[in-house]
Amino acid sequence: RRALKIEISMQTDDVTVAGTHLNICAILSKLDKHDKALQHALCALELVGAHVSSTEDSGTVSQDDYTTLAVAYHNVAVEREYLQQWDQAAMAYKQGHEIAKRCMGDQHPLTNTLSKNVQTVLEKSQKYPGISRRTAPGPAGDLMQARQRDQPTS
């Protein structure tokens, strides 16, 4: 977080700051702080998305910019998946997939990962409709029983 403050105070470009947010997101996710990780992923998405939108017309968007944008969508999706926000996760995976496909091609590993994850999260949304955060397995394959809490008691 100190690096983020330094980058902002030095008026570092938005894509670099977005990359720092994505790094913080990854660290927080590893620490199972998915709410906070999601906030950093969303900050990164907002920064790089605004940069790409503002420079796309002039043709100055780099491959790196598009890659960072696709990775930001991926990180948002992963964190939403951990939080069992299935529809929002699927949408983020889909948006990231569209960018990766358009800018990196069908065969790029990130394109393939995003495509596969769209299907996986849609399957989870059908398998665990209306499940709370504590009961459905997340991306890491938590072993909690999915319907245990939702069963009526006699």
N, C-alpha and C. Protein backbone atom coordinates (compact mmCIF):
# COMPACT_ATOMS: atom_id res chain seq x y z
N ARG A 1 0.83 -1.20 0.00
CA ARG A 1 0.00 0.00 0.00
C ARG A 1 0.86 1.25 0.00
N ARG A 2 2.04 1.13 0.60
CA ARG A 2 2.97 2.26 0.60
C ARG A 2 3.39 2.58 -0.83
N ALA A 3 3.64 1.53 -1.63
CA ALA A 3 4.01 1.73 -3.04
C ALA A 3 2.91 2.47 -3.78
N LEU A 4 1.67 2.12 -3.48
CA LEU A 4 0.53 2.78 -4.12
C LEU A 4 0.52 4.27 -3.78
N LYS A 5 0.74 4.60 -2.53
CA LYS A 5 0.76 6.00 -2.11
C LYS A 5 1.88 6.77 -2.80
N ILE A 6 3.04 6.13 -2.92
CA ILE A 6 4.17 6.78 -3.58
C ILE A 6 3.86 7.02 -5.05
N GLU A 7 3.30 5.98 -5.72
CA GLU A 7 2.97 6.13 -7.13
C GLU A 7 1.97 7.26 -7.35
N ILE A 8 0.97 7.35 -6.50
CA ILE A 8 -0.03 8.39 -6.65
C ILE A 8 0.58 9.76 -6.41
N SER A 9 1.43 9.88 -5.38
CA SER A 9 2.05 11.17 -5.09
C SER A 9 3.00 11.61 -6.20
N MET A 10 3.57 10.65 -6.92
CA MET A 10 4.48 10.97 -8.02
C MET A 10 3.74 11.11 -9.35
N GLN A 11 2.42 11.05 -9.32
CA GLN A 11 1.58 11.16 -10.50
C GLN A 11 1.97 10.15 -11.57
N THR A 12 2.18 8.91 -11.13
CA THR A 12 2.51 7.81 -12.02
C THR A 12 1.31 7.55 -12.93
N ASP A 13 1.56 7.04 -14.14
CA ASP A 13 0.46 6.82 -15.07
C ASP A 13 -0.54 5.81 -14.53
N ASP A 14 -1.77 5.93 -15.00
CA ASP A 14 -2.89 5.14 -14.47
C ASP A 14 -2.71 3.64 -14.64
N VAL A 15 -2.10 3.20 -15.72
CA VAL A 15 -1.94 1.76 -15.95
C VAL A 15 -0.96 1.16 -14.94
N THR A 16 0.07 1.90 -14.59
CA THR A 16 1.01 1.44 -13.57
C THR A 16 0.35 1.37 -12.21
N VAL A 17 -0.43 2.39 -11.88
CA VAL A 17 -1.16 2.39 -10.60
C VAL A 17 -2.16 1.24 -10.58
N ALA A 18 -2.83 0.99 -11.71
CA ALA A 18 -3.76 -0.14 -11.81
C ALA A 18 -3.03 -1.45 -11.55
N GLY A 19 -1.84 -1.60 -12.11
CA GLY A 19 -1.04 -2.80 -11.87
C GLY A 19 -0.72 -2.99 -10.40
N THR A 20 -0.45 -1.90 -9.71
CA THR A 20 -0.18 -1.98 -8.27
C THR A 20 -1.45 -2.42 -7.52
N HIS A 21 -2.59 -1.88 -7.92
CA HIS A 21 -3.86 -2.31 -7.32
C HIS A 21 -4.07 -3.82 -7.55
N LEU A 22 -3.74 -4.30 -8.73
CA LEU A 22 -3.89 -5.73 -9.02
C LEU A 22 -2.95 -6.57 -8.17
N ASN A 23 -1.75 -6.08 -7.92
CA ASN A 23 -0.82 -6.80 -7.05
C ASN A 23 -1.34 -6.85 -5.61
N ILE A 24 -1.89 -5.74 -5.14
CA ILE A 24 -2.47 -5.70 -3.80
C ILE A 24 -3.67 -6.65 -3.73
N CYS A 25 -4.46 -6.66 -4.79
CA CYS A 25 -5.60 -7.57 -4.86
C CYS A 25 -5.14 -9.01 -4.70
N ALA A 26 -4.09 -9.39 -5.41
CA ALA A 26 -3.59 -10.77 -5.34
C ALA A 26 -3.14 -11.12 -3.92
N ILE A 27 -2.46 -10.20 -3.27
CA ILE A 27 -1.99 -10.45 -1.90
C ILE A 27 -3.17 -10.60 -0.94
N LEU A 28 -4.12 -9.70 -1.03
CA LEU A 28 -5.29 -9.77 -0.15
C LEU A 28 -6.10 -11.04 -0.40
N SER A 29 -6.18 -11.45 -1.65
CA SER A 29 -6.91 -12.67 -1.98
C SER A 29 -6.24 -13.88 -1.34
N LYS A 30 -4.92 -13.92 -1.40
CA LYS A 30 -4.19 -15.02 -0.75
C LYS A 30 -4.42 -15.05 0.75
N LEU A 31 -4.69 -13.88 1.32
CA LEU A 31 -4.95 -13.77 2.76
C LEU A 31 -6.43 -13.97 3.08
N ASP A 32 -7.23 -14.39 2.09
CA ASP A 32 -8.68 -14.60 2.22
C ASP A 32 -9.43 -13.33 2.61
N LYS A 33 -8.92 -12.20 2.18
CA LYS A 33 -9.61 -10.92 2.40
C LYS A 33 -10.23 -10.49 1.07
N HIS A 34 -11.24 -11.25 0.65
CA HIS A 34 -11.78 -11.10 -0.69
C HIS A 34 -12.58 -9.82 -0.89
N ASP A 35 -13.22 -9.31 0.16
CA ASP A 35 -13.93 -8.03 0.03
C ASP A 35 -12.94 -6.91 -0.30
N LYS A 36 -11.84 -6.87 0.43
CA LYS A 36 -10.83 -5.84 0.19
C LYS A 36 -10.12 -6.07 -1.14
N ALA A 37 -9.86 -7.33 -1.47
CA ALA A 37 -9.22 -7.65 -2.75
C ALA A 37 -10.09 -7.17 -3.91
N LEU A 38 -11.40 -7.38 -3.79
CA LEU A 38 -12.32 -6.94 -4.83
C LEU A 38 -12.26 -5.43 -5.01
N GLN A 39 -12.17 -4.69 -3.92
CA GLN A 39 -12.11 -3.23 -4.02
C GLN A 39 -10.88 -2.78 -4.81
N HIS A 40 -9.75 -3.43 -4.59
CA HIS A 40 -8.54 -3.07 -5.33
C HIS A 40 -8.66 -3.48 -6.80
N ALA A 41 -9.27 -4.62 -7.05
CA ALA A 41 -9.48 -5.05 -8.44
C ALA A 41 -10.40 -4.06 -9.16
N LEU A 42 -11.44 -3.59 -8.47
CA LEU A 42 -12.35 -2.62 -9.08
C LEU A 42 -11.66 -1.28 -9.33
N CYS A 43 -10.78 -0.87 -8.42
CA CYS A 43 -10.00 0.36 -8.63
C CYS A 43 -9.13 0.22 -9.87
N ALA A 44 -8.47 -0.92 -9.99
CA ALA A 44 -7.62 -1.17 -11.16
C ALA A 44 -8.45 -1.14 -12.43
N LEU A 45 -9.60 -1.79 -12.40
CA LEU A 45 -10.48 -1.83 -13.57
C LEU A 45 -10.93 -0.43 -13.97
N GLU A 46 -11.28 0.36 -12.98
CA GLU A 46 -11.72 1.73 -13.27
C GLU A 46 -10.58 2.55 -13.88
N LEU A 47 -9.39 2.45 -13.32
CA LEU A 47 -8.25 3.22 -13.82
C LEU A 47 -7.86 2.83 -15.24
N VAL A 48 -7.67 1.55 -15.46
CA VAL A 48 -7.21 1.12 -16.78
C VAL A 48 -8.34 1.24 -17.80
N GLY A 49 -9.58 1.01 -17.36
CA GLY A 49 -10.71 1.18 -18.27
C GLY A 49 -10.84 2.61 -18.76
N ALA A 50 -10.69 3.56 -17.86
CA ALA A 50 -10.76 4.97 -18.22
C ALA A 50 -9.61 5.35 -19.15
N HIS A 51 -8.42 4.80 -18.86
CA HIS A 51 -7.26 5.08 -19.72
C HIS A 51 -7.49 4.55 -21.13
N VAL A 52 -7.95 3.33 -21.23
CA VAL A 52 -8.18 2.72 -22.55
C VAL A 52 -9.26 3.50 -23.29
N SER A 53 -10.34 3.84 -22.62
CA SER A 53 -11.44 4.59 -23.25
C SER A 53 -10.96 5.94 -23.77
N SER A 54 -10.14 6.61 -22.99
CA SER A 54 -9.71 7.96 -23.38
C SER A 54 -8.64 7.95 -24.47
N THR A 55 -7.91 6.86 -24.62
CA THR A 55 -6.83 6.83 -25.62
C THR A 55 -7.15 5.94 -26.82
N GLU A 56 -8.26 5.21 -26.78
CA GLU A 56 -8.59 4.28 -27.88
C GLU A 56 -8.80 5.02 -29.20
N ASP A 57 -9.47 6.17 -29.17
CA ASP A 57 -9.75 6.91 -30.39
C ASP A 57 -8.49 7.42 -31.06
N SER A 58 -7.50 7.77 -30.27
CA SER A 58 -6.26 8.28 -30.85
C SER A 58 -5.31 7.16 -31.29
N GLY A 59 -5.68 5.91 -30.97
CA GLY A 59 -4.85 4.78 -31.40
C GLY A 59 -3.58 4.60 -30.60
N THR A 60 -3.53 5.16 -29.40
CA THR A 60 -2.31 5.07 -28.60
C THR A 60 -2.40 4.03 -27.49
N VAL A 61 -3.41 3.17 -27.54
CA VAL A 61 -3.55 2.12 -26.53
C VAL A 61 -2.56 1.01 -26.88
N SER A 62 -1.78 0.60 -25.89
CA SER A 62 -0.78 -0.44 -26.13
C SER A 62 -1.35 -1.83 -25.83
N GLN A 63 -0.64 -2.83 -26.29
CA GLN A 63 -1.01 -4.22 -25.98
C GLN A 63 -0.98 -4.44 -24.47
N ASP A 64 -0.03 -3.81 -23.81
CA ASP A 64 0.07 -3.87 -22.35
C ASP A 64 -1.18 -3.33 -21.67
N ASP A 65 -1.71 -2.23 -22.21
CA ASP A 65 -2.92 -1.63 -21.65
C ASP A 65 -4.09 -2.61 -21.75
N TYR A 66 -4.25 -3.23 -22.91
CA TYR A 66 -5.33 -4.19 -23.09
C TYR A 66 -5.14 -5.43 -22.21
N THR A 67 -3.90 -5.87 -22.08
CA THR A 67 -3.62 -7.02 -21.22
C THR A 67 -3.97 -6.69 -19.77
N THR A 68 -3.58 -5.52 -19.31
CA THR A 68 -3.89 -5.10 -17.95
C THR A 68 -5.40 -5.00 -17.75
N LEU A 69 -6.12 -4.52 -18.76
CA LEU A 69 -7.57 -4.43 -18.68
C LEU A 69 -8.20 -5.83 -18.57
N ALA A 70 -7.73 -6.76 -19.38
CA ALA A 70 -8.26 -8.13 -19.33
C ALA A 70 -7.94 -8.79 -17.98
N VAL A 71 -6.74 -8.56 -17.47
CA VAL A 71 -6.36 -9.11 -16.16
C VAL A 71 -7.21 -8.48 -15.05
N ALA A 72 -7.50 -7.19 -15.16
CA ALA A 72 -8.34 -6.53 -14.16
C ALA A 72 -9.73 -7.16 -14.14
N TYR A 73 -10.31 -7.39 -15.32
CA TYR A 73 -11.61 -8.08 -15.38
C TYR A 73 -11.51 -9.47 -14.75
N HIS A 74 -10.42 -10.17 -15.05
CA HIS A 74 -10.23 -11.51 -14.49
C HIS A 74 -10.19 -11.45 -12.97
N ASN A 75 -9.42 -10.52 -12.42
CA ASN A 75 -9.30 -10.43 -10.96
C ASN A 75 -10.63 -10.05 -10.31
N VAL A 76 -11.38 -9.14 -10.93
CA VAL A 76 -12.70 -8.79 -10.41
C VAL A 76 -13.57 -10.04 -10.40
N ALA A 77 -13.53 -10.80 -11.48
CA ALA A 77 -14.35 -12.01 -11.59
C ALA A 77 -13.97 -13.04 -10.53
N VAL A 78 -12.69 -13.25 -10.34
CA VAL A 78 -12.23 -14.24 -9.35
C VAL A 78 -12.70 -13.85 -7.96
N GLU A 79 -12.56 -12.59 -7.61
CA GLU A 79 -12.98 -12.15 -6.27
C GLU A 79 -14.50 -12.24 -6.11
N ARG A 80 -15.23 -11.90 -7.15
CA ARG A 80 -16.69 -12.04 -7.09
C ARG A 80 -17.09 -13.52 -6.97
N GLU A 81 -16.31 -14.37 -7.60
CA GLU A 81 -16.58 -15.80 -7.49
C GLU A 81 -16.34 -16.28 -6.06
N TYR A 82 -15.25 -15.85 -5.45
CA TYR A 82 -15.01 -16.19 -4.04
C TYR A 82 -16.15 -15.73 -3.16
N LEU A 83 -16.76 -14.61 -3.51
CA LEU A 83 -17.85 -14.04 -2.72
C LEU A 83 -19.21 -14.59 -3.16
N GLN A 84 -19.20 -15.58 -4.05
CA GLN A 84 -20.40 -16.22 -4.60
C GLN A 84 -21.35 -15.23 -5.27
N GLN A 85 -20.80 -14.24 -5.90
CA GLN A 85 -21.56 -13.28 -6.70
C GLN A 85 -21.50 -13.78 -8.14
N TRP A 86 -22.21 -14.88 -8.39
CA TRP A 86 -22.06 -15.63 -9.63
C TRP A 86 -22.31 -14.81 -10.88
N ASP A 87 -23.44 -14.09 -10.93
CA ASP A 87 -23.79 -13.35 -12.14
C ASP A 87 -22.75 -12.26 -12.45
N GLN A 88 -22.34 -11.57 -11.40
CA GLN A 88 -21.34 -10.51 -11.60
C GLN A 88 -19.98 -11.11 -11.99
N ALA A 89 -19.65 -12.26 -11.44
CA ALA A 89 -18.40 -12.92 -11.82
C ALA A 89 -18.45 -13.34 -13.28
N ALA A 90 -19.57 -13.92 -13.69
CA ALA A 90 -19.71 -14.35 -15.08
C ALA A 90 -19.59 -13.17 -16.03
N MET A 91 -20.22 -12.05 -15.67
CA MET A 91 -20.16 -10.86 -16.53
C MET A 91 -18.72 -10.34 -16.64
N ALA A 92 -18.01 -10.31 -15.54
CA ALA A 92 -16.62 -9.84 -15.58
C ALA A 92 -15.74 -10.78 -16.41
N TYR A 93 -15.92 -12.10 -16.22
CA TYR A 93 -15.17 -13.05 -17.05
C TYR A 93 -15.49 -12.82 -18.52
N LYS A 94 -16.76 -12.62 -18.83
CA LYS A 94 -17.17 -12.45 -20.22
C LYS A 94 -16.57 -11.18 -20.82
N GLN A 95 -16.62 -10.09 -20.08
CA GLN A 95 -16.05 -8.83 -20.58
C GLN A 95 -14.54 -8.96 -20.78
N GLY A 96 -13.87 -9.60 -19.83
CA GLY A 96 -12.43 -9.83 -19.98
C GLY A 96 -12.13 -10.70 -21.17
N HIS A 97 -12.95 -11.73 -21.38
CA HIS A 97 -12.77 -12.64 -22.52
C HIS A 97 -12.91 -11.88 -23.83
N GLU A 98 -13.90 -11.01 -23.94
CA GLU A 98 -14.10 -10.25 -25.18
C GLU A 98 -12.89 -9.37 -25.49
N ILE A 99 -12.35 -8.73 -24.47
CA ILE A 99 -11.17 -7.89 -24.68
C ILE A 99 -9.96 -8.74 -25.06
N ALA A 100 -9.74 -9.82 -24.33
CA ALA A 100 -8.60 -10.70 -24.62
C ALA A 100 -8.69 -11.27 -26.02
N LYS A 101 -9.87 -11.71 -26.40
CA LYS A 101 -10.06 -12.29 -27.74
C LYS A 101 -9.78 -11.26 -28.83
N ARG A 102 -10.33 -10.07 -28.66
CA ARG A 102 -10.16 -9.02 -29.66
C ARG A 102 -8.71 -8.53 -29.75
N CYS A 103 -8.03 -8.45 -28.62
CA CYS A 103 -6.71 -7.81 -28.60
C CYS A 103 -5.54 -8.78 -28.55
N MET A 104 -5.79 -10.01 -28.10
CA MET A 104 -4.70 -10.98 -27.97
C MET A 104 -4.91 -12.22 -28.82
N GLY A 105 -6.13 -12.41 -29.30
CA GLY A 105 -6.41 -13.54 -30.17
C GLY A 105 -7.02 -14.72 -29.44
N ASP A 106 -7.61 -15.61 -30.24
CA ASP A 106 -8.29 -16.80 -29.71
C ASP A 106 -7.38 -17.77 -28.97
N GLN A 107 -6.12 -17.83 -29.37
CA GLN A 107 -5.22 -18.84 -28.83
C GLN A 107 -4.44 -18.39 -27.60
N HIS A 108 -4.58 -17.14 -27.22
CA HIS A 108 -3.83 -16.63 -26.07
C HIS A 108 -4.31 -17.33 -24.79
N PRO A 109 -3.38 -17.72 -23.91
CA PRO A 109 -3.77 -18.42 -22.67
C PRO A 109 -4.79 -17.66 -21.83
N LEU A 110 -4.68 -16.33 -21.74
CA LEU A 110 -5.64 -15.56 -20.96
C LEU A 110 -7.03 -15.62 -21.59
N THR A 111 -7.09 -15.57 -22.91
CA THR A 111 -8.37 -15.69 -23.62
C THR A 111 -9.02 -17.02 -23.28
N ASN A 112 -8.24 -18.08 -23.34
CA ASN A 112 -8.76 -19.42 -23.05
C ASN A 112 -9.20 -19.56 -21.60
N THR A 113 -8.43 -19.02 -20.68
CA THR A 113 -8.77 -19.09 -19.26
C THR A 113 -10.08 -18.35 -18.98
N LEU A 114 -10.21 -17.16 -19.52
CA LEU A 114 -11.43 -16.38 -19.30
C LEU A 114 -12.65 -17.08 -19.89
N SER A 115 -12.50 -17.66 -21.07
CA SER A 115 -13.60 -18.39 -21.70
C SER A 115 -14.04 -19.57 -20.86
N LYS A 116 -13.08 -20.35 -20.40
CA LYS A 116 -13.39 -21.51 -19.56
C LYS A 116 -14.05 -21.09 -18.25
N ASN A 117 -13.58 -20.01 -17.66
CA ASN A 117 -14.11 -19.56 -16.37
C ASN A 117 -15.53 -19.03 -16.49
N VAL A 118 -15.89 -18.44 -17.64
CA VAL A 118 -17.28 -18.01 -17.84
C VAL A 118 -18.19 -19.21 -17.68
N GLN A 119 -17.86 -20.31 -18.35
CA GLN A 119 -18.69 -21.50 -18.30
C GLN A 119 -18.73 -22.10 -16.89
N THR A 120 -17.59 -22.15 -16.24
CA THR A 120 -17.51 -22.73 -14.90
C THR A 120 -18.38 -21.96 -13.91
N VAL A 121 -18.32 -20.64 -13.94
CA VAL A 121 -19.09 -19.85 -12.98
C VAL A 121 -20.58 -19.91 -13.30
N LEU A 122 -20.94 -20.02 -14.57
CA LEU A 122 -22.36 -20.17 -14.92
C LEU A 122 -22.89 -21.50 -14.41
N GLU A 123 -22.07 -22.53 -14.48
CA GLU A 123 -22.47 -23.84 -13.93
C GLU A 123 -22.66 -23.74 -12.42
N LYS A 124 -21.77 -23.02 -11.74
CA LYS A 124 -21.91 -22.84 -10.29
C LYS A 124 -23.18 -22.07 -9.96
N SER A 125 -23.52 -21.08 -10.77
CA SER A 125 -24.73 -20.30 -10.48
C SER A 125 -25.98 -21.16 -10.59
N GLN A 126 -25.94 -22.14 -11.47
CA GLN A 126 -27.08 -23.06 -11.60
C GLN A 126 -27.07 -24.10 -10.49
N LYS A 127 -25.89 -24.52 -10.10
CA LYS A 127 -25.75 -25.55 -9.07
C LYS A 127 -26.06 -25.02 -7.68
N TYR A 128 -25.72 -23.74 -7.43
CA TYR A 128 -25.88 -23.14 -6.11
C TYR A 128 -26.74 -21.88 -6.16
N PRO A 129 -27.97 -21.96 -6.65
CA PRO A 129 -28.79 -20.74 -6.71
C PRO A 129 -29.14 -20.25 -5.31
N GLY A 130 -28.97 -18.96 -5.10
CA GLY A 130 -29.37 -18.37 -3.82
C GLY A 130 -28.57 -18.82 -2.62
N ILE A 131 -27.38 -19.37 -2.85
CA ILE A 131 -26.54 -19.85 -1.74
C ILE A 131 -25.81 -18.67 -1.13
N SER A 132 -25.69 -18.69 0.18
CA SER A 132 -24.98 -17.62 0.87
C SER A 132 -23.47 -17.81 0.74
N ARG A 133 -22.73 -16.79 1.11
CA ARG A 133 -21.28 -16.80 1.00
C ARG A 133 -20.65 -17.95 1.75
N ARG A 134 -21.20 -18.37 2.85
CA ARG A 134 -20.54 -19.34 3.70
C ARG A 134 -20.77 -20.79 3.29
N THR A 135 -21.64 -21.02 2.32
CA THR A 135 -21.99 -22.41 2.05
C THR A 135 -21.56 -22.94 0.70
N ALA A 136 -21.34 -22.09 -0.27
CA ALA A 136 -20.98 -22.58 -1.60
C ALA A 136 -19.48 -22.59 -1.79
N PRO A 137 -18.96 -23.59 -2.49
CA PRO A 137 -17.53 -23.62 -2.72
C PRO A 137 -17.08 -22.48 -3.63
N GLY A 138 -15.96 -21.89 -3.31
CA GLY A 138 -15.40 -20.82 -4.12
C GLY A 138 -14.42 -21.36 -5.15
N PRO A 139 -13.69 -20.47 -5.82
CA PRO A 139 -12.77 -20.88 -6.87
C PRO A 139 -11.69 -21.85 -6.39
N ALA A 140 -11.34 -21.77 -5.13
CA ALA A 140 -10.28 -22.66 -4.63
C ALA A 140 -10.82 -24.03 -4.25
N GLY A 141 -12.12 -24.23 -4.40
CA GLY A 141 -12.69 -25.54 -4.12
C GLY A 141 -12.91 -25.81 -2.65
N ASP A 142 -13.43 -24.81 -1.93
CA ASP A 142 -13.73 -25.01 -0.51
C ASP A 142 -14.60 -26.24 -0.35
N LEU A 143 -14.44 -26.95 0.74
CA LEU A 143 -15.12 -28.22 0.92
C LEU A 143 -16.38 -28.15 1.77
N MET A 144 -16.92 -26.96 1.98
CA MET A 144 -18.14 -26.85 2.78
C MET A 144 -19.32 -27.42 2.01
N GLN A 145 -20.26 -27.96 2.73
CA GLN A 145 -21.46 -28.51 2.10
C GLN A 145 -22.34 -27.38 1.61
N ALA A 146 -22.81 -27.49 0.38
CA ALA A 146 -23.50 -26.39 -0.28
C ALA A 146 -24.90 -26.13 0.25
N ARG A 147 -25.65 -27.11 0.56
CA ARG A 147 -27.04 -26.85 0.92
C ARG A 147 -27.33 -27.07 2.40
N GLN A 148 -26.32 -27.35 3.18
CA GLN A 148 -26.52 -27.70 4.57
C GLN A 148 -27.31 -26.65 5.34
N ARG A 149 -26.94 -25.38 5.22
CA ARG A 149 -27.60 -24.33 5.99
C ARG A 149 -29.00 -24.02 5.45
N ASP A 150 -29.22 -24.28 4.16
CA ASP A 150 -30.49 -23.91 3.57
C ASP A 150 -31.58 -24.96 3.73
N GLN A 151 -31.25 -26.08 4.34
CA GLN A 151 -32.25 -27.13 4.54
C GLN A 151 -33.18 -26.76 5.68
N PRO A 152 -34.49 -26.96 5.48
CA PRO A 152 -35.43 -26.65 6.57
C PRO A 152 -35.24 -27.62 7.73
N THR A 153 -35.42 -27.12 8.91
CA THR A 153 -35.29 -27.98 10.09
C THR A 153 -36.67 -28.46 10.51
N SER A 154 -36.71 -29.66 11.04
CA SER A 154 -38.00 -30.24 11.44
C SER A 154 -38.30 -29.97 12.89
